[in-house]
């Protein structure tokens, strides 16, 4: 089972969604406080399972309504995804993946793990 790990960083507080194998599969923005961070967690829980997929690396990219996962290539040529909420706000982002199938697996892992992941605070 996955878990949301909330941690303090120099500029605020953020969360990492970790899969059952303890690998980070998505990361949030930096929030100003814990309450806002927990709202971000709830937004990922609610949106990830129902989010569509917009593959911006495909030759024909159809527009998908929010919430959605956007799969894209970064400047280094790696595959990444970002999860947007119904309002279009980015609520979680991935690390870079060398291969597109690995990035797609990351998206599926977020879908599976987000809904019932526990929330823990890192000391």
PDB file of N, CA and C in Angstrom:
ATOM      1  N   UNK A   1       0.836  -1.181   0.000  1.00  0.00           N
ATOM      2  CA  UNK A   1       0.000   0.000   0.000  1.00  0.00           C
ATOM      3  C   UNK A   1       0.881   1.245   0.000  1.00  0.00           C
ATOM      4  N   UNK A   2       0.439   2.251  -0.727  1.00  0.00           N
ATOM      5  CA  UNK A   2       1.198   3.486  -0.805  1.00  0.00           C
ATOM      6  C   UNK A   2       0.982   4.368   0.403  1.00  0.00           C
ATOM      7  N   UNK A   3       1.779   5.440   0.454  1.00  0.00           N
ATOM      8  CA  UNK A   3       1.578   6.411   1.518  1.00  0.00           C
ATOM      9  C   UNK A   3       2.032   7.788   1.076  1.00  0.00           C
ATOM     10  N   UNK A   4       1.351   8.782   1.609  1.00  0.00           N
ATOM     11  CA  UNK A   4       1.734  10.170   1.415  1.00  0.00           C
ATOM     12  C   UNK A   4       2.652  10.537   2.567  1.00  0.00           C
ATOM     13  N   UNK A   5       3.868  10.932   2.250  1.00  0.00           N
ATOM     14  CA  UNK A   5       4.824  11.331   3.276  1.00  0.00           C
ATOM     15  C   UNK A   5       4.926  12.859   3.242  1.00  0.00           C
ATOM     16  N   UNK A   6       4.489  13.481   4.325  1.00  0.00           N
ATOM     17  CA  UNK A   6       4.533  14.935   4.446  1.00  0.00           C
ATOM     18  C   UNK A   6       5.848  15.311   5.116  1.00  0.00           C
ATOM     19  N   UNK A   7       6.536  16.291   4.520  1.00  0.00           N
ATOM     20  CA  UNK A   7       7.807  16.702   5.109  1.00  0.00           C
ATOM     21  C   UNK A   7       8.028  18.203   4.960  1.00  0.00           C
ATOM     22  N   UNK A   8       8.759  18.732   5.908  1.00  0.00           N
ATOM     23  CA  UNK A   8       9.102  20.140   5.895  1.00  0.00           C
ATOM     24  C   UNK A   8      10.372  20.337   5.082  1.00  0.00           C
ATOM     25  N   UNK A   9      10.346  21.350   4.226  1.00  0.00           N
ATOM     26  CA  UNK A   9      11.512  21.738   3.430  1.00  0.00           C
ATOM     27  C   UNK A   9      11.807  23.196   3.771  1.00  0.00           C
ATOM     28  N   UNK A  10      12.972  23.713   3.397  1.00  0.00           N
ATOM     29  CA  UNK A  10      13.314  25.089   3.785  1.00  0.00           C
ATOM     30  C   UNK A  10      12.263  26.143   3.424  1.00  0.00           C
ATOM     31  N   UNK A  11      11.538  25.949   2.315  1.00  0.00           N
ATOM     32  CA  UNK A  11      10.581  26.966   1.892  1.00  0.00           C
ATOM     33  C   UNK A  11       9.127  26.663   2.270  1.00  0.00           C
ATOM     34  N   UNK A  12       8.875  25.571   3.003  1.00  0.00           N
ATOM     35  CA  UNK A  12       7.507  25.255   3.406  1.00  0.00           C
ATOM     36  C   UNK A  12       7.318  23.779   3.710  1.00  0.00           C
ATOM     37  N   UNK A  13       6.210  23.212   3.206  1.00  0.00           N
ATOM     38  CA  UNK A  13       5.888  21.810   3.468  1.00  0.00           C
ATOM     39  C   UNK A  13       5.377  21.182   2.170  1.00  0.00           C
ATOM     40  N   UNK A  14       5.717  19.924   1.931  1.00  0.00           N
ATOM     41  CA  UNK A  14       5.296  19.236   0.710  1.00  0.00           C
ATOM     42  C   UNK A  14       5.053  17.777   0.995  1.00  0.00           C
ATOM     43  N   UNK A  15       4.515  17.048   0.018  1.00  0.00           N
ATOM     44  CA  UNK A  15       4.337  15.610   0.184  1.00  0.00           C
ATOM     45  C   UNK A  15       4.937  14.851  -0.992  1.00  0.00           C
ATOM     46  N   UNK A  16       5.317  13.626  -0.690  1.00  0.00           N
ATOM     47  CA  UNK A  16       5.710  12.658  -1.705  1.00  0.00           C
ATOM     48  C   UNK A  16       4.728  11.509  -1.596  1.00  0.00           C
ATOM     49  N   UNK A  17       4.222  11.033  -2.719  1.00  0.00           N
ATOM     50  CA  UNK A  17       3.418   9.819  -2.735  1.00  0.00           C
ATOM     51  C   UNK A  17       4.372   8.682  -3.034  1.00  0.00           C
ATOM     52  N   UNK A  18       4.445   7.734  -2.105  1.00  0.00           N
ATOM     53  CA  UNK A  18       5.341   6.591  -2.265  1.00  0.00           C
ATOM     54  C   UNK A  18       4.524   5.329  -2.516  1.00  0.00           C
ATOM     55  N   UNK A  19       5.034   4.488  -3.411  1.00  0.00           N
ATOM     56  CA  UNK A  19       4.399   3.204  -3.695  1.00  0.00           C
ATOM     57  C   UNK A  19       4.719   2.233  -2.564  1.00  0.00           C
ATOM     58  N   UNK A  20       4.136   1.050  -2.625  1.00  0.00           N
ATOM     59  CA  UNK A  20       4.371   0.033  -1.612  1.00  0.00           C
ATOM     60  C   UNK A  20       5.830  -0.359  -1.474  1.00  0.00           C
ATOM     61  N   UNK A  21       6.631  -0.175  -2.549  1.00  0.00           N
ATOM     62  CA  UNK A  21       8.057  -0.504  -2.495  1.00  0.00           C
ATOM     63  C   UNK A  21       8.900   0.673  -1.981  1.00  0.00           C
ATOM     64  N   UNK A  22       8.243   1.713  -1.486  1.00  0.00           N
ATOM     65  CA  UNK A  22       8.866   2.900  -0.892  1.00  0.00           C
ATOM     66  C   UNK A  22       9.482   3.852  -1.916  1.00  0.00           C
ATOM     67  N   UNK A  23       9.261   3.602  -3.212  1.00  0.00           N
ATOM     68  CA  UNK A  23       9.754   4.505  -4.255  1.00  0.00           C
ATOM     69  C   UNK A  23       8.808   5.700  -4.372  1.00  0.00           C
ATOM     70  N   UNK A  24       9.374   6.898  -4.548  1.00  0.00           N
ATOM     71  CA  UNK A  24       8.560   8.098  -4.757  1.00  0.00           C
ATOM     72  C   UNK A  24       7.982   8.040  -6.170  1.00  0.00           C
ATOM     73  N   UNK A  25       6.662   8.148  -6.282  1.00  0.00           N
ATOM     74  CA  UNK A  25       6.030   8.111  -7.601  1.00  0.00           C
ATOM     75  C   UNK A  25       5.429   9.458  -8.004  1.00  0.00           C
ATOM     76  N   UNK A  26       5.253  10.365  -7.043  1.00  0.00           N
ATOM     77  CA  UNK A  26       4.766  11.709  -7.353  1.00  0.00           C
ATOM     78  C   UNK A  26       5.119  12.641  -6.195  1.00  0.00           C
ATOM     79  N   UNK A  27       5.305  13.905  -6.537  1.00  0.00           N
ATOM     80  CA  UNK A  27       5.693  14.917  -5.560  1.00  0.00           C
ATOM     81  C   UNK A  27       4.801  16.139  -5.734  1.00  0.00           C
ATOM     82  N   UNK A  28       4.535  16.815  -4.641  1.00  0.00           N
ATOM     83  CA  UNK A  28       3.693  18.015  -4.694  1.00  0.00           C
ATOM     84  C   UNK A  28       4.537  19.276  -4.845  1.00  0.00           C
ATOM     85  N   UNK A  29       3.827  20.372  -5.005  1.00  0.00           N
ATOM     86  CA  UNK A  29       4.455  21.683  -4.910  1.00  0.00           C
ATOM     87  C   UNK A  29       4.777  21.936  -3.436  1.00  0.00           C
ATOM     88  N   UNK A  30       5.442  23.038  -3.150  1.00  0.00           N
ATOM     89  CA  UNK A  30       5.701  23.419  -1.765  1.00  0.00           C
ATOM     90  C   UNK A  30       4.545  24.298  -1.291  1.00  0.00           C
ATOM     91  N   UNK A  31       3.951  23.897  -0.173  1.00  0.00           N
ATOM     92  CA  UNK A  31       2.832  24.633   0.409  1.00  0.00           C
ATOM     93  C   UNK A  31       3.328  25.472   1.571  1.00  0.00           C
ATOM     94  N   UNK A  32       2.546  26.512   1.923  1.00  0.00           N
ATOM     95  CA  UNK A  32       2.946  27.396   3.021  1.00  0.00           C
ATOM     96  C   UNK A  32       2.670  26.788   4.381  1.00  0.00           C
ATOM     97  N   UNK A  33       1.706  25.854   4.457  1.00  0.00           N
ATOM     98  CA  UNK A  33       1.373  25.256   5.745  1.00  0.00           C
ATOM     99  C   UNK A  33       0.840  23.848   5.597  1.00  0.00           C
ATOM    100  N   UNK A  34       0.687  23.176   6.733  1.00  0.00           N
ATOM    101  CA  UNK A  34       0.249  21.788   6.756  1.00  0.00           C
ATOM    102  C   UNK A  34      -1.179  21.632   6.238  1.00  0.00           C
ATOM    103  N   UNK A  35      -2.075  22.540   6.594  1.00  0.00           N
ATOM    104  CA  UNK A  35      -3.469  22.433   6.169  1.00  0.00           C
ATOM    105  C   UNK A  35      -3.571  22.467   4.643  1.00  0.00           C
ATOM    106  N   UNK A  36      -2.830  23.365   4.017  1.00  0.00           N
ATOM    107  CA  UNK A  36      -2.846  23.463   2.558  1.00  0.00           C
ATOM    108  C   UNK A  36      -2.260  22.197   1.934  1.00  0.00           C
ATOM    109  N   UNK A  37      -1.222  21.656   2.548  1.00  0.00           N
ATOM    110  CA  UNK A  37      -0.601  20.420   2.061  1.00  0.00           C
ATOM    111  C   UNK A  37      -1.594  19.261   2.139  1.00  0.00           C
ATOM    112  N   UNK A  38      -2.315  19.163   3.234  1.00  0.00           N
ATOM    113  CA  UNK A  38      -3.312  18.093   3.386  1.00  0.00           C
ATOM    114  C   UNK A  38      -4.440  18.236   2.359  1.00  0.00           C
ATOM    115  N   UNK A  39      -4.794  19.472   2.000  1.00  0.00           N
ATOM    116  CA  UNK A  39      -5.784  19.686   0.939  1.00  0.00           C
ATOM    117  C   UNK A  39      -5.234  19.165  -0.385  1.00  0.00           C
ATOM    118  N   UNK A  40      -3.937  19.345  -0.615  1.00  0.00           N
ATOM    119  CA  UNK A  40      -3.288  18.817  -1.814  1.00  0.00           C
ATOM    120  C   UNK A  40      -3.347  17.302  -1.852  1.00  0.00           C
ATOM    121  N   UNK A  41      -3.109  16.672  -0.711  1.00  0.00           N
ATOM    122  CA  UNK A  41      -3.202  15.206  -0.608  1.00  0.00           C
ATOM    123  C   UNK A  41      -4.610  14.759  -0.988  1.00  0.00           C
ATOM    124  N   UNK A  42      -5.627  15.423  -0.424  1.00  0.00           N
ATOM    125  CA  UNK A  42      -7.016  15.055  -0.713  1.00  0.00           C
ATOM    126  C   UNK A  42      -7.346  15.245  -2.190  1.00  0.00           C
ATOM    127  N   UNK A  43      -6.787  16.271  -2.792  1.00  0.00           N
ATOM    128  CA  UNK A  43      -7.029  16.512  -4.207  1.00  0.00           C
ATOM    129  C   UNK A  43      -6.436  15.393  -5.067  1.00  0.00           C
ATOM    130  N   UNK A  44      -5.244  14.933  -4.710  1.00  0.00           N
ATOM    131  CA  UNK A  44      -4.642  13.815  -5.440  1.00  0.00           C
ATOM    132  C   UNK A  44      -5.477  12.558  -5.237  1.00  0.00           C
ATOM    133  N   UNK A  45      -5.890  12.301  -4.007  1.00  0.00           N
ATOM    134  CA  UNK A  45      -6.729  11.125  -3.718  1.00  0.00           C
ATOM    135  C   UNK A  45      -7.989  11.112  -4.572  1.00  0.00           C
ATOM    136  N   UNK A  46      -8.617  12.271  -4.696  1.00  0.00           N
ATOM    137  CA  UNK A  46      -9.883  12.382  -5.403  1.00  0.00           C
ATOM    138  C   UNK A  46      -9.694  12.335  -6.925  1.00  0.00           C
ATOM    139  N   UNK A  47      -8.681  12.989  -7.430  1.00  0.00           N
ATOM    140  CA  UNK A  47      -8.525  13.159  -8.871  1.00  0.00           C
ATOM    141  C   UNK A  47      -7.754  12.053  -9.579  1.00  0.00           C
ATOM    142  N   UNK A  48      -6.750  11.473  -8.941  1.00  0.00           N
ATOM    143  CA  UNK A  48      -5.902  10.486  -9.621  1.00  0.00           C
ATOM    144  C   UNK A  48      -6.677   9.286 -10.167  1.00  0.00           C
ATOM    145  N   UNK A  49      -7.590   8.692  -9.392  1.00  0.00           N
ATOM    146  CA  UNK A  49      -8.281   7.500  -9.906  1.00  0.00           C
ATOM    147  C   UNK A  49      -9.155   7.761 -11.132  1.00  0.00           C
ATOM    148  N   UNK A  50      -9.644   8.985 -11.305  1.00  0.00           N
ATOM    149  CA  UNK A  50     -10.568   9.288 -12.407  1.00  0.00           C
ATOM    150  C   UNK A  50      -9.933  10.126 -13.517  1.00  0.00           C
ATOM    151  N   UNK A  51      -8.667  10.483 -13.349  1.00  0.00           N
ATOM    152  CA  UNK A  51      -7.997  11.355 -14.317  1.00  0.00           C
ATOM    153  C   UNK A  51      -7.777  10.653 -15.652  1.00  0.00           C
ATOM    154  N   UNK A  52      -8.021  11.388 -16.729  1.00  0.00           N
ATOM    155  CA  UNK A  52      -7.730  10.892 -18.067  1.00  0.00           C
ATOM    156  C   UNK A  52      -6.240  10.997 -18.354  1.00  0.00           C
ATOM    157  N   UNK A  53      -5.836  10.573 -19.540  1.00  0.00           N
ATOM    158  CA  UNK A  53      -4.431  10.643 -19.950  1.00  0.00           C
ATOM    159  C   UNK A  53      -4.313  11.472 -21.212  1.00  0.00           C
ATOM    160  N   UNK A  54      -3.520  12.531 -21.125  1.00  0.00           N
ATOM    161  CA  UNK A  54      -3.209  13.358 -22.289  1.00  0.00           C
ATOM    162  C   UNK A  54      -1.744  13.117 -22.631  1.00  0.00           C
ATOM    163  N   UNK A  55      -1.507  12.358 -23.694  1.00  0.00           N
ATOM    164  CA  UNK A  55      -0.148  12.001 -24.104  1.00  0.00           C
ATOM    165  C   UNK A  55       0.381  13.057 -25.066  1.00  0.00           C
ATOM    166  N   UNK A  56       1.179  13.972 -24.536  1.00  0.00           N
ATOM    167  CA  UNK A  56       1.711  15.057 -25.343  1.00  0.00           C
ATOM    168  C   UNK A  56       2.920  14.626 -26.170  1.00  0.00           C
ATOM    169  N   UNK A  57       3.308  13.346 -26.054  1.00  0.00           N
ATOM    170  CA  UNK A  57       4.416  12.827 -26.859  1.00  0.00           C
ATOM    171  C   UNK A  57       3.901  12.102 -28.099  1.00  0.00           C
ATOM    172  N   UNK A  58       2.599  11.886 -28.181  1.00  0.00           N
ATOM    173  CA  UNK A  58       2.016  11.182 -29.321  1.00  0.00           C
ATOM    174  C   UNK A  58       1.926  12.133 -30.518  1.00  0.00           C
ATOM    175  N   UNK A  59       1.928  11.553 -31.721  1.00  0.00           N
ATOM    176  CA  UNK A  59       1.828  12.382 -32.921  1.00  0.00           C
ATOM    177  C   UNK A  59       0.535  13.172 -32.945  1.00  0.00           C
ATOM    178  N   UNK A  60      -0.548  12.521 -32.579  1.00  0.00           N
ATOM    179  CA  UNK A  60      -1.827  13.215 -32.511  1.00  0.00           C
ATOM    180  C   UNK A  60      -2.244  13.296 -31.053  1.00  0.00           C
ATOM    181  N   UNK A  61      -2.132  14.490 -30.518  1.00  0.00           N
ATOM    182  CA  UNK A  61      -2.466  14.700 -29.112  1.00  0.00           C
ATOM    183  C   UNK A  61      -3.880  15.229 -29.012  1.00  0.00           C
ATOM    184  N   UNK A  62      -4.777  14.406 -28.520  1.00  0.00           N
ATOM    185  CA  UNK A  62      -6.134  14.857 -28.287  1.00  0.00           C
ATOM    186  C   UNK A  62      -6.189  15.577 -26.945  1.00  0.00           C
ATOM    187  N   UNK A  63      -6.961  16.625 -26.874  1.00  0.00           N
ATOM    188  CA  UNK A  63      -7.106  17.343 -25.605  1.00  0.00           C
ATOM    189  C   UNK A  63      -8.030  16.559 -24.677  1.00  0.00           C
ATOM    190  N   UNK A  64      -7.622  16.441 -23.440  1.00  0.00           N
ATOM    191  CA  UNK A  64      -8.380  15.717 -22.426  1.00  0.00           C
ATOM    192  C   UNK A  64      -8.804  16.729 -21.368  1.00  0.00           C
ATOM    193  N   UNK A  65     -10.031  16.614 -20.876  1.00  0.00           N
ATOM    194  CA  UNK A  65     -10.491  17.543 -19.852  1.00  0.00           C
ATOM    195  C   UNK A  65      -9.900  17.171 -18.491  1.00  0.00           C
ATOM    196  N   UNK A  66      -9.841  18.141 -17.623  1.00  0.00           N
ATOM    197  CA  UNK A  66      -9.343  17.916 -16.267  1.00  0.00           C
ATOM    198  C   UNK A  66     -10.380  17.160 -15.457  1.00  0.00           C
ATOM    199  N   UNK A  67      -9.975  16.355 -14.492  1.00  0.00           N
ATOM    200  CA  UNK A  67      -8.588  16.092 -14.103  1.00  0.00           C
ATOM    201  C   UNK A  67      -7.908  15.185 -15.133  1.00  0.00           C
ATOM    202  N   UNK A  68      -6.577  15.351 -15.226  1.00  0.00           N
ATOM    203  CA  UNK A  68      -5.850  14.547 -16.192  1.00  0.00           C
ATOM    204  C   UNK A  68      -4.383  14.402 -15.811  1.00  0.00           C
ATOM    205  N   UNK A  69      -3.803  13.331 -16.324  1.00  0.00           N
ATOM    206  CA  UNK A  69      -2.364  13.155 -16.297  1.00  0.00           C
ATOM    207  C   UNK A  69      -1.856  13.654 -17.639  1.00  0.00           C
ATOM    208  N   UNK A  70      -0.863  14.522 -17.625  1.00  0.00           N
ATOM    209  CA  UNK A  70      -0.226  14.972 -18.854  1.00  0.00           C
ATOM    210  C   UNK A  70       1.133  14.286 -18.933  1.00  0.00           C
ATOM    211  N   UNK A  71       1.314  13.476 -19.964  1.00  0.00           N
ATOM    212  CA  UNK A  71       2.586  12.802 -20.186  1.00  0.00           C
ATOM    213  C   UNK A  71       3.356  13.636 -21.211  1.00  0.00           C
ATOM    214  N   UNK A  72       4.609  13.987 -20.895  1.00  0.00           N
ATOM    215  CA  UNK A  72       5.380  14.859 -21.779  1.00  0.00           C
ATOM    216  C   UNK A  72       6.869  14.534 -21.673  1.00  0.00           C
ATOM    217  N   UNK A  73       7.656  15.120 -22.555  1.00  0.00           N
ATOM    218  CA  UNK A  73       9.116  14.999 -22.506  1.00  0.00           C
ATOM    219  C   UNK A  73       9.691  16.303 -21.977  1.00  0.00           C
ATOM    220  N   UNK A  74      10.674  16.179 -21.076  1.00  0.00           N
ATOM    221  CA  UNK A  74      11.317  17.381 -20.548  1.00  0.00           C
ATOM    222  C   UNK A  74      12.483  17.794 -21.460  1.00  0.00           C
ATOM    223  N   UNK A  75      13.176  18.847 -21.088  1.00  0.00           N
ATOM    224  CA  UNK A  75      14.278  19.361 -21.917  1.00  0.00           C
ATOM    225  C   UNK A  75      15.410  18.368 -22.082  1.00  0.00           C
ATOM    226  N   UNK A  76      15.560  17.464 -21.121  1.00  0.00           N
ATOM    227  CA  UNK A  76      16.615  16.446 -21.199  1.00  0.00           C
ATOM    228  C   UNK A  76      16.169  15.227 -22.018  1.00  0.00           C
ATOM    229  N   UNK A  77      14.917  15.251 -22.492  1.00  0.00           N
ATOM    230  CA  UNK A  77      14.414  14.147 -23.300  1.00  0.00           C
ATOM    231  C   UNK A  77      13.775  13.024 -22.493  1.00  0.00           C
ATOM    232  N   UNK A  78      13.681  13.205 -21.177  1.00  0.00           N
ATOM    233  CA  UNK A  78      13.063  12.176 -20.341  1.00  0.00           C
ATOM    234  C   UNK A  78      11.542  12.356 -20.321  1.00  0.00           C
ATOM    235  N   UNK A  79      10.856  11.251 -20.047  1.00  0.00           N
ATOM    236  CA  UNK A  79       9.396  11.269 -19.938  1.00  0.00           C
ATOM    237  C   UNK A  79       9.003  11.619 -18.517  1.00  0.00           C
ATOM    238  N   UNK A  80       8.004  12.467 -18.391  1.00  0.00           N
ATOM    239  CA  UNK A  80       7.483  12.882 -17.088  1.00  0.00           C
ATOM    240  C   UNK A  80       5.960  12.977 -17.179  1.00  0.00           C
ATOM    241  N   UNK A  81       5.322  13.033 -16.001  1.00  0.00           N
ATOM    242  CA  UNK A  81       3.891  13.322 -15.983  1.00  0.00           C
ATOM    243  C   UNK A  81       3.602  14.329 -14.897  1.00  0.00           C
ATOM    244  N   UNK A  82       2.487  15.033 -15.106  1.00  0.00           N
ATOM    245  CA  UNK A  82       1.945  15.911 -14.066  1.00  0.00           C
ATOM    246  C   UNK A  82       0.458  15.615 -13.981  1.00  0.00           C
ATOM    247  N   UNK A  83      -0.054  15.678 -12.781  1.00  0.00           N
ATOM    248  CA  UNK A  83      -1.476  15.457 -12.527  1.00  0.00           C
ATOM    249  C   UNK A  83      -2.126  16.800 -12.269  1.00  0.00           C
ATOM    250  N   UNK A  84      -3.172  17.099 -13.031  1.00  0.00           N
ATOM    251  CA  UNK A  84      -3.900  18.345 -12.820  1.00  0.00           C
ATOM    252  C   UNK A  84      -5.280  18.042 -12.249  1.00  0.00           C
ATOM    253  N   UNK A  85      -5.733  18.936 -11.387  1.00  0.00           N
ATOM    254  CA  UNK A  85      -7.058  18.809 -10.760  1.00  0.00           C
ATOM    255  C   UNK A  85      -8.129  19.320 -11.719  1.00  0.00           C
ATOM    256  N   UNK A  86      -9.368  19.236 -11.308  1.00  0.00           N
ATOM    257  CA  UNK A  86     -10.492  19.692 -12.140  1.00  0.00           C
ATOM    258  C   UNK A  86     -10.357  21.158 -12.548  1.00  0.00           C
ATOM    259  N   UNK A  87      -9.738  21.970 -11.679  1.00  0.00           N
ATOM    260  CA  UNK A  87      -9.587  23.398 -11.966  1.00  0.00           C
ATOM    261  C   UNK A  87      -8.341  23.705 -12.809  1.00  0.00           C
ATOM    262  N   UNK A  88      -7.609  22.670 -13.223  1.00  0.00           N
ATOM    263  CA  UNK A  88      -6.427  22.869 -14.056  1.00  0.00           C
ATOM    264  C   UNK A  88      -5.132  23.054 -13.288  1.00  0.00           C
ATOM    265  N   UNK A  89      -5.225  23.136 -11.975  1.00  0.00           N
ATOM    266  CA  UNK A  89      -4.049  23.314 -11.131  1.00  0.00           C
ATOM    267  C   UNK A  89      -3.215  22.035 -11.087  1.00  0.00           C
ATOM    268  N   UNK A  90      -1.895  22.173 -11.203  1.00  0.00           N
ATOM    269  CA  UNK A  90      -1.007  21.015 -11.096  1.00  0.00           C
ATOM    270  C   UNK A  90      -0.910  20.628  -9.630  1.00  0.00           C
ATOM    271  N   UNK A  91      -1.226  19.357  -9.327  1.00  0.00           N
ATOM    272  CA  UNK A  91      -1.241  18.922  -7.933  1.00  0.00           C
ATOM    273  C   UNK A  91      -0.164  17.897  -7.613  1.00  0.00           C
ATOM    274  N   UNK A  92       0.456  17.313  -8.634  1.00  0.00           N
ATOM    275  CA  UNK A  92       1.558  16.368  -8.404  1.00  0.00           C
ATOM    276  C   UNK A  92       2.348  16.215  -9.698  1.00  0.00           C
ATOM    277  N   UNK A  93       3.648  15.966  -9.540  1.00  0.00           N
ATOM    278  CA  UNK A  93       4.532  15.769 -10.692  1.00  0.00           C
ATOM    279  C   UNK A  93       5.407  14.543 -10.445  1.00  0.00           C
ATOM    280  N   UNK A  94       5.950  14.007 -11.532  1.00  0.00           N
ATOM    281  CA  UNK A  94       6.791  12.817 -11.420  1.00  0.00           C
ATOM    282  C   UNK A  94       8.262  13.161 -11.566  1.00  0.00           C
ATOM    283  N   UNK A  95       9.070  12.150 -11.345  1.00  0.00           N
ATOM    284  CA  UNK A  95      10.481  12.213 -11.681  1.00  0.00           C
ATOM    285  C   UNK A  95      10.607  11.975 -13.183  1.00  0.00           C
ATOM    286  N   UNK A  96      11.825  12.051 -13.709  1.00  0.00           N
ATOM    287  CA  UNK A  96      12.051  11.754 -15.115  1.00  0.00           C
ATOM    288  C   UNK A  96      12.241  10.260 -15.324  1.00  0.00           C
ATOM    289  N   UNK A  97      11.689   9.755 -16.415  1.00  0.00           N
ATOM    290  CA  UNK A  97      11.830   8.343 -16.788  1.00  0.00           C
ATOM    291  C   UNK A  97      12.533   8.272 -18.143  1.00  0.00           C
ATOM    292  N   UNK A  98      13.432   7.332 -18.304  1.00  0.00           N
ATOM    293  CA  UNK A  98      14.138   7.159 -19.579  1.00  0.00           C
ATOM    294  C   UNK A  98      13.209   6.590 -20.653  1.00  0.00           C
ATOM    295  N   UNK A  99      12.261   5.744 -20.261  1.00  0.00           N
ATOM    296  CA  UNK A  99      11.388   5.069 -21.217  1.00  0.00           C
ATOM    297  C   UNK A  99       9.926   5.422 -20.955  1.00  0.00           C
ATOM    298  N   UNK A 100       9.170   5.579 -22.032  1.00  0.00           N
ATOM    299  CA  UNK A 100       7.756   5.923 -21.924  1.00  0.00           C
ATOM    300  C   UNK A 100       6.949   4.867 -21.164  1.00  0.00           C
ATOM    301  N   UNK A 101       7.169   3.558 -21.410  1.00  0.00           N
ATOM    302  CA  UNK A 101       6.406   2.568 -20.638  1.00  0.00           C
ATOM    303  C   UNK A 101       6.622   2.689 -19.131  1.00  0.00           C
ATOM    304  N   UNK A 102       7.811   3.065 -18.710  1.00  0.00           N
ATOM    305  CA  UNK A 102       8.080   3.259 -17.275  1.00  0.00           C
ATOM    306  C   UNK A 102       7.270   4.434 -16.732  1.00  0.00           C
ATOM    307  N   UNK A 103       7.164   5.495 -17.514  1.00  0.00           N
ATOM    308  CA  UNK A 103       6.369   6.656 -17.105  1.00  0.00           C
ATOM    309  C   UNK A 103       4.890   6.277 -17.012  1.00  0.00           C
ATOM    310  N   UNK A 104       4.397   5.500 -17.984  1.00  0.00           N
ATOM    311  CA  UNK A 104       3.010   5.035 -17.939  1.00  0.00           C
ATOM    312  C   UNK A 104       2.763   4.152 -16.718  1.00  0.00           C
ATOM    313  N   UNK A 105       3.751   3.339 -16.354  1.00  0.00           N
ATOM    314  CA  UNK A 105       3.641   2.528 -15.132  1.00  0.00           C
ATOM    315  C   UNK A 105       3.560   3.428 -13.907  1.00  0.00           C
ATOM    316  N   UNK A 106       4.311   4.523 -13.914  1.00  0.00           N
ATOM    317  CA  UNK A 106       4.255   5.480 -12.806  1.00  0.00           C
ATOM    318  C   UNK A 106       2.872   6.080 -12.656  1.00  0.00           C
ATOM    319  N   UNK A 107       2.239   6.416 -13.779  1.00  0.00           N
ATOM    320  CA  UNK A 107       0.881   6.960 -13.749  1.00  0.00           C
ATOM    321  C   UNK A 107      -0.079   5.932 -13.150  1.00  0.00           C
ATOM    322  N   UNK A 108       0.026   4.685 -13.598  1.00  0.00           N
ATOM    323  CA  UNK A 108      -0.852   3.640 -13.067  1.00  0.00           C
ATOM    324  C   UNK A 108      -0.619   3.417 -11.576  1.00  0.00           C
ATOM    325  N   UNK A 109       0.625   3.542 -11.152  1.00  0.00           N
ATOM    326  CA  UNK A 109       0.945   3.386  -9.738  1.00  0.00           C
ATOM    327  C   UNK A 109       0.300   4.497  -8.909  1.00  0.00           C
ATOM    328  N   UNK A 110       0.314   5.726  -9.428  1.00  0.00           N
ATOM    329  CA  UNK A 110      -0.357   6.828  -8.728  1.00  0.00           C
ATOM    330  C   UNK A 110      -1.852   6.546  -8.646  1.00  0.00           C
ATOM    331  N   UNK A 111      -2.451   6.114  -9.751  1.00  0.00           N
ATOM    332  CA  UNK A 111      -3.889   5.795  -9.752  1.00  0.00           C
ATOM    333  C   UNK A 111      -4.225   4.771  -8.670  1.00  0.00           C
ATOM    334  N   UNK A 112      -3.399   3.708  -8.581  1.00  0.00           N
ATOM    335  CA  UNK A 112      -3.669   2.613  -7.638  1.00  0.00           C
ATOM    336  C   UNK A 112      -3.382   2.996  -6.197  1.00  0.00           C
ATOM    337  N   UNK A 113      -2.326   3.754  -5.969  1.00  0.00           N
ATOM    338  CA  UNK A 113      -1.881   4.019  -4.606  1.00  0.00           C
ATOM    339  C   UNK A 113      -2.524   5.232  -3.942  1.00  0.00           C
ATOM    340  N   UNK A 114      -2.969   6.208  -4.711  1.00  0.00           N
ATOM    341  CA  UNK A 114      -3.421   7.479  -4.133  1.00  0.00           C
ATOM    342  C   UNK A 114      -4.680   7.359  -3.284  1.00  0.00           C
ATOM    343  N   UNK A 115      -5.663   6.616  -3.759  1.00  0.00           N
ATOM    344  CA  UNK A 115      -6.985   6.626  -3.139  1.00  0.00           C
ATOM    345  C   UNK A 115      -6.981   6.214  -1.657  1.00  0.00           C
ATOM    346  N   UNK A 116      -6.235   5.165  -1.322  1.00  0.00           N
ATOM    347  CA  UNK A 116      -6.273   4.705   0.069  1.00  0.00           C
ATOM    348  C   UNK A 116      -4.914   4.757   0.768  1.00  0.00           C
ATOM    349  N   UNK A 117      -4.034   5.602   0.256  1.00  0.00           N
ATOM    350  CA  UNK A 117      -2.719   5.742   0.889  1.00  0.00           C
ATOM    351  C   UNK A 117      -2.846   6.461   2.220  1.00  0.00           C
ATOM    352  N   UNK A 118      -2.128   5.966   3.203  1.00  0.00           N
ATOM    353  CA  UNK A 118      -2.129   6.627   4.506  1.00  0.00           C
ATOM    354  C   UNK A 118      -1.255   7.885   4.439  1.00  0.00           C
ATOM    355  N   UNK A 119      -1.470   8.787   5.360  1.00  0.00           N
ATOM    356  CA  UNK A 119      -0.679  10.010   5.459  1.00  0.00           C
ATOM    357  C   UNK A 119       0.231   9.898   6.668  1.00  0.00           C
ATOM    358  N   UNK A 120       1.514  10.071   6.460  1.00  0.00           N
ATOM    359  CA  UNK A 120       2.473  10.032   7.559  1.00  0.00           C
ATOM    360  C   UNK A 120       3.337  11.291   7.499  1.00  0.00           C
ATOM    361  N   UNK A 121       3.796  11.699   8.661  1.00  0.00           N
ATOM    362  CA  UNK A 121       4.678  12.870   8.707  1.00  0.00           C
ATOM    363  C   UNK A 121       6.100  12.399   8.946  1.00  0.00           C
ATOM    364  N   UNK A 122       7.006  12.946   8.147  1.00  0.00           N
ATOM    365  CA  UNK A 122       8.414  12.609   8.311  1.00  0.00           C
ATOM    366  C   UNK A 122       8.982  13.501   9.410  1.00  0.00           C
ATOM    367  N   UNK A 123       9.668  12.879  10.316  1.00  0.00           N
ATOM    368  CA  UNK A 123      10.227  13.632  11.452  1.00  0.00           C
ATOM    369  C   UNK A 123      11.416  14.463  11.028  1.00  0.00           C
TER     370      UNK A 123
END
